[in-house]
Amino acid sequence: TRSFQPLLKQAAESQAHLPISCGRAAVCNLSAELGSIKGTNRNYLYTAYKVSKAGLNMLTKCSALDLIKDNIICFSVHPGWAQTGLGGPQAPLSAEAAVEDMIEIMDNCTKKQNGAFFKKRHEFYYVLNFTFFCSYIEYFGGL
């Protein structure tokens, strides 16, 4: 994101007549529900994958807090278990349907959803409200 930030900022400035949305400038991270700390169970399969997605979700939220000053939104999308190289042919969702859902989310995402984690069509929930948490960590010098 840092490498693209000047271009994102330029896009946001050049589209100043538009509301803050994907139509102006945005970062959409491809995440997974498996990165949810709350949803973790005793299944130790895919630990590295889960940890990487949890880190991506935190990066998304912190980036959202940072980039909004330049009128750039940032959010994560869980496309669902899709028939891809990773999901395999047994996945219930076609790759095309997953992409259609992601495009619909991007078309409708606004400043109000900055920092959000979307899953499936028309549903979203916020990863967590990290605003206070990040401030707390900063104030006390880390964990």
C-alpha atoms as a PDB file:
ATOM      1  CA  THR A   1       0.000   0.000   0.000  1.00  0.00           C
ATOM      2  CA  ARG A   2       2.842   2.407   0.814  1.00  0.00           C
ATOM      3  CA  SER A   3       4.227   2.079  -2.719  1.00  0.00           C
ATOM      4  CA  PHE A   4       0.835   2.866  -4.207  1.00  0.00           C
ATOM      5  CA  GLN A   5      -0.110   5.575  -1.698  1.00  0.00           C
ATOM      6  CA  PRO A   6       1.048   8.482  -3.925  1.00  0.00           C
ATOM      7  CA  LEU A   7      -1.051   7.099  -6.794  1.00  0.00           C
ATOM      8  CA  LEU A   8      -4.047   6.508  -4.517  1.00  0.00           C
ATOM      9  CA  LYS A   9      -3.732  10.047  -3.169  1.00  0.00           C
ATOM     10  CA  GLN A  10      -3.516  11.422  -6.707  1.00  0.00           C
ATOM     11  CA  ALA A  11      -6.635   9.446  -7.683  1.00  0.00           C
ATOM     12  CA  ALA A  12      -8.519  10.710  -4.614  1.00  0.00           C
ATOM     13  CA  GLU A  13      -7.565  14.305  -5.424  1.00  0.00           C
ATOM     14  CA  SER A  14      -8.434  14.004  -9.114  1.00  0.00           C
ATOM     15  CA  GLN A  15     -11.872  12.596  -8.245  1.00  0.00           C
ATOM     16  CA  ALA A  16     -12.628  15.154  -5.521  1.00  0.00           C
ATOM     17  CA  HIS A  17     -16.095  15.721  -7.000  1.00  0.00           C
ATOM     18  CA  LEU A  18     -17.042  12.141  -6.037  1.00  0.00           C
ATOM     19  CA  PRO A  19     -17.957  11.013  -2.515  1.00  0.00           C
ATOM     20  CA  ILE A  20     -15.297   9.073  -0.623  1.00  0.00           C
ATOM     21  CA  SER A  21     -15.757   5.583  -2.061  1.00  0.00           C
ATOM     22  CA  CYS A  22     -14.144   3.020  -4.358  1.00  0.00           C
ATOM     23  CA  GLY A  23     -15.059   5.328  -7.230  1.00  0.00           C
ATOM     24  CA  ARG A  24     -12.541   7.777  -5.803  1.00  0.00           C
ATOM     25  CA  ALA A  25      -9.699   5.744  -4.249  1.00  0.00           C
ATOM     26  CA  ALA A  26      -9.664   2.551  -2.188  1.00  0.00           C
ATOM     27  CA  VAL A  27      -7.641  -0.423  -1.036  1.00  0.00           C
ATOM     28  CA  CYS A  28      -9.498  -3.733  -1.012  1.00  0.00           C
ATOM     29  CA  ASN A  29      -7.671  -6.583   0.716  1.00  0.00           C
ATOM     30  CA  LEU A  30      -8.614 -10.174  -0.045  1.00  0.00           C
ATOM     31  CA  SER A  31      -8.939 -11.795   3.361  1.00  0.00           C
ATOM     32  CA  ALA A  32     -10.688 -14.807   4.841  1.00  0.00           C
ATOM     33  CA  GLU A  33     -13.040 -15.559   7.669  1.00  0.00           C
ATOM     34  CA  LEU A  34     -10.407 -18.011   8.916  1.00  0.00           C
ATOM     35  CA  GLY A  35      -8.443 -14.923  10.038  1.00  0.00           C
ATOM     36  CA  SER A  36     -11.050 -14.145  12.664  1.00  0.00           C
ATOM     37  CA  ILE A  37      -9.642 -14.517  16.163  1.00  0.00           C
ATOM     38  CA  LYS A  38     -13.133 -14.776  17.607  1.00  0.00           C
ATOM     39  CA  GLY A  39     -14.038 -17.561  15.191  1.00  0.00           C
ATOM     40  CA  THR A  40     -10.959 -19.679  15.913  1.00  0.00           C
ATOM     41  CA  ASN A  41     -11.680 -23.146  17.217  1.00  0.00           C
ATOM     42  CA  ARG A  42      -9.440 -26.007  18.263  1.00  0.00           C
ATOM     43  CA  ASN A  43      -8.748 -27.000  14.674  1.00  0.00           C
ATOM     44  CA  TYR A  44      -5.013 -26.512  14.211  1.00  0.00           C
ATOM     45  CA  LEU A  45      -5.154 -26.961  10.463  1.00  0.00           C
ATOM     46  CA  TYR A  46      -4.078 -24.023   8.320  1.00  0.00           C
ATOM     47  CA  THR A  47      -2.478 -22.186  11.257  1.00  0.00           C
ATOM     48  CA  ALA A  48      -0.047 -20.169   9.092  1.00  0.00           C
ATOM     49  CA  TYR A  49      -2.868 -19.211   6.714  1.00  0.00           C
ATOM     50  CA  LYS A  50      -5.116 -18.128   9.614  1.00  0.00           C
ATOM     51  CA  VAL A  51      -2.331 -16.070  11.202  1.00  0.00           C
ATOM     52  CA  SER A  52      -1.517 -14.342   7.903  1.00  0.00           C
ATOM     53  CA  LYS A  53      -5.175 -13.405   7.387  1.00  0.00           C
ATOM     54  CA  ALA A  54      -5.508 -12.151  10.977  1.00  0.00           C
ATOM     55  CA  GLY A  55      -2.460  -9.951  10.328  1.00  0.00           C
ATOM     56  CA  LEU A  56      -3.997  -8.728   7.087  1.00  0.00           C
ATOM     57  CA  ASN A  57      -7.204  -7.813   8.922  1.00  0.00           C
ATOM     58  CA  MET A  58      -5.211  -5.755  11.441  1.00  0.00           C
ATOM     59  CA  LEU A  59      -3.260  -4.114   8.607  1.00  0.00           C
ATOM     60  CA  THR A  60      -6.560  -3.272   6.913  1.00  0.00           C
ATOM     61  CA  LYS A  61      -7.985  -1.596   9.996  1.00  0.00           C
ATOM     62  CA  CYS A  62      -4.807   0.351  10.780  1.00  0.00           C
ATOM     63  CA  SER A  63      -4.423   1.383   7.114  1.00  0.00           C
ATOM     64  CA  ALA A  64      -8.048   2.539   7.085  1.00  0.00           C
ATOM     65  CA  LEU A  65      -7.336   4.809  10.047  1.00  0.00           C
ATOM     66  CA  ASP A  66      -4.217   6.163   8.332  1.00  0.00           C
ATOM     67  CA  LEU A  67      -5.407   6.543   4.726  1.00  0.00           C
ATOM     68  CA  ILE A  68      -8.755   8.214   5.414  1.00  0.00           C
ATOM     69  CA  LYS A  69      -6.933  11.512   5.975  1.00  0.00           C
ATOM     70  CA  ASP A  70      -6.184  11.424   2.225  1.00  0.00           C
ATOM     71  CA  ASN A  71      -9.789  10.444   1.391  1.00  0.00           C
ATOM     72  CA  ILE A  72      -8.786   6.847   0.653  1.00  0.00           C
ATOM     73  CA  ILE A  73     -10.849   4.009   2.110  1.00  0.00           C
ATOM     74  CA  CYS A  74      -9.515   0.574   3.004  1.00  0.00           C
ATOM     75  CA  PHE A  75     -11.481  -2.614   3.713  1.00  0.00           C
ATOM     76  CA  SER A  76     -11.194  -6.405   3.554  1.00  0.00           C
ATOM     77  CA  VAL A  77     -13.357  -8.883   1.697  1.00  0.00           C
ATOM     78  CA  HIS A  78     -13.896 -12.569   2.436  1.00  0.00           C
ATOM     79  CA  PRO A  79     -15.093 -13.934  -0.909  1.00  0.00           C
ATOM     80  CA  GLY A  80     -16.297 -17.231   0.527  1.00  0.00           C
ATOM     81  CA  TRP A  81     -15.047 -20.728  -0.112  1.00  0.00           C
ATOM     82  CA  ALA A  82     -14.663 -20.567  -3.872  1.00  0.00           C
ATOM     83  CA  GLN A  83     -13.687 -23.058  -6.570  1.00  0.00           C
ATOM     84  CA  THR A  84     -10.111 -21.872  -7.080  1.00  0.00           C
ATOM     85  CA  GLY A  85      -6.711 -23.514  -6.899  1.00  0.00           C
ATOM     86  CA  LEU A  86      -6.827 -23.093  -3.119  1.00  0.00           C
ATOM     87  CA  GLY A  87     -10.529 -23.843  -2.590  1.00  0.00           C
ATOM     88  CA  GLY A  88     -10.659 -26.820  -4.922  1.00  0.00           C
ATOM     89  CA  PRO A  89     -13.564 -28.168  -6.982  1.00  0.00           C
ATOM     90  CA  GLN A  90     -15.526 -29.192  -3.842  1.00  0.00           C
ATOM     91  CA  ALA A  91     -16.026 -25.544  -2.811  1.00  0.00           C
ATOM     92  CA  PRO A  92     -19.699 -24.499  -2.982  1.00  0.00           C
ATOM     93  CA  LEU A  93     -19.120 -21.129  -4.674  1.00  0.00           C
ATOM     94  CA  SER A  94     -17.919 -20.665  -8.239  1.00  0.00           C
ATOM     95  CA  ALA A  95     -14.996 -18.311  -8.754  1.00  0.00           C
ATOM     96  CA  GLU A  96     -17.253 -16.180 -10.964  1.00  0.00           C
ATOM     97  CA  ALA A  97     -19.871 -15.787  -8.234  1.00  0.00           C
ATOM     98  CA  ALA A  98     -17.170 -14.859  -5.688  1.00  0.00           C
ATOM     99  CA  VAL A  99     -15.820 -12.184  -8.032  1.00  0.00           C
ATOM    100  CA  GLU A 100     -19.342 -10.854  -8.704  1.00  0.00           C
ATOM    101  CA  ASP A 101     -19.870 -10.505  -4.947  1.00  0.00           C
ATOM    102  CA  MET A 102     -16.551  -8.687  -4.508  1.00  0.00           C
ATOM    103  CA  ILE A 103     -17.337  -6.295  -7.361  1.00  0.00           C
ATOM    104  CA  GLU A 104     -20.748  -5.555  -5.855  1.00  0.00           C
ATOM    105  CA  ILE A 105     -19.132  -4.827  -2.498  1.00  0.00           C
ATOM    106  CA  MET A 106     -16.588  -2.522  -4.135  1.00  0.00           C
ATOM    107  CA  ASP A 107     -19.314  -0.733  -6.074  1.00  0.00           C
ATOM    108  CA  ASN A 108     -21.213   0.018  -2.856  1.00  0.00           C
ATOM    109  CA  CYS A 109     -18.459   0.592  -0.296  1.00  0.00           C
ATOM    110  CA  THR A 110     -18.297   4.142   1.074  1.00  0.00           C
ATOM    111  CA  LYS A 111     -16.529   6.081   3.799  1.00  0.00           C
ATOM    112  CA  LYS A 112     -19.016   4.630   6.275  1.00  0.00           C
ATOM    113  CA  GLN A 113     -17.518   1.158   5.751  1.00  0.00           C
ATOM    114  CA  ASN A 114     -13.876   2.276   5.989  1.00  0.00           C
ATOM    115  CA  GLY A 115     -11.994  -0.430   7.907  1.00  0.00           C
ATOM    116  CA  ALA A 116     -14.798  -2.972   7.478  1.00  0.00           C
ATOM    117  CA  PHE A 117     -14.508  -6.693   6.880  1.00  0.00           C
ATOM    118  CA  PHE A 118     -17.092  -7.866   4.347  1.00  0.00           C
ATOM    119  CA  LYS A 119     -18.267 -11.402   3.947  1.00  0.00           C
ATOM    120  CA  LYS A 120     -20.648 -12.572   1.285  1.00  0.00           C
ATOM    121  CA  ARG A 121     -23.088 -10.437  -0.603  1.00  0.00           C
ATOM    122  CA  HIS A 122     -24.883  -7.678   1.319  1.00  0.00           C
ATOM    123  CA  GLU A 123     -23.378  -8.691   4.670  1.00  0.00           C
ATOM    124  CA  PHE A 124     -20.584  -7.045   6.557  1.00  0.00           C
ATOM    125  CA  TYR A 125     -19.266  -6.727  10.015  1.00  0.00           C
ATOM    126  CA  TYR A 126     -16.431  -4.684  11.380  1.00  0.00           C
ATOM    127  CA  VAL A 127     -13.288  -6.620  12.188  1.00  0.00           C
ATOM    128  CA  LEU A 128     -13.207  -4.889  15.577  1.00  0.00           C
ATOM    129  CA  ASN A 129     -13.140  -1.297  16.657  1.00  0.00           C
ATOM    130  CA  PHE A 130      -9.381  -0.985  16.858  1.00  0.00           C
ATOM    131  CA  THR A 131      -9.362   2.823  17.145  1.00  0.00           C
ATOM    132  CA  PHE A 132      -9.137   2.711  20.942  1.00  0.00           C
ATOM    133  CA  PHE A 133      -6.970  -0.415  20.910  1.00  0.00           C
ATOM    134  CA  CYS A 134      -4.360   1.103  18.537  1.00  0.00           C
ATOM    135  CA  SER A 135      -4.301   4.314  20.609  1.00  0.00           C
ATOM    136  CA  TYR A 136      -3.817   2.260  23.785  1.00  0.00           C
ATOM    137  CA  ILE A 137      -0.875   0.348  22.290  1.00  0.00           C
ATOM    138  CA  GLU A 138       0.697   3.574  20.971  1.00  0.00           C
ATOM    139  CA  TYR A 139       0.285   5.321  24.354  1.00  0.00           C
ATOM    140  CA  PHE A 140       1.847   2.492  26.330  1.00  0.00           C
ATOM    141  CA  GLY A 141       4.628   1.814  23.832  1.00  0.00           C
ATOM    142  CA  GLY A 142       3.493  -1.504  22.447  1.00  0.00           C
ATOM    143  CA  LEU A 143       2.372  -4.844  23.801  1.00  0.00           C
END
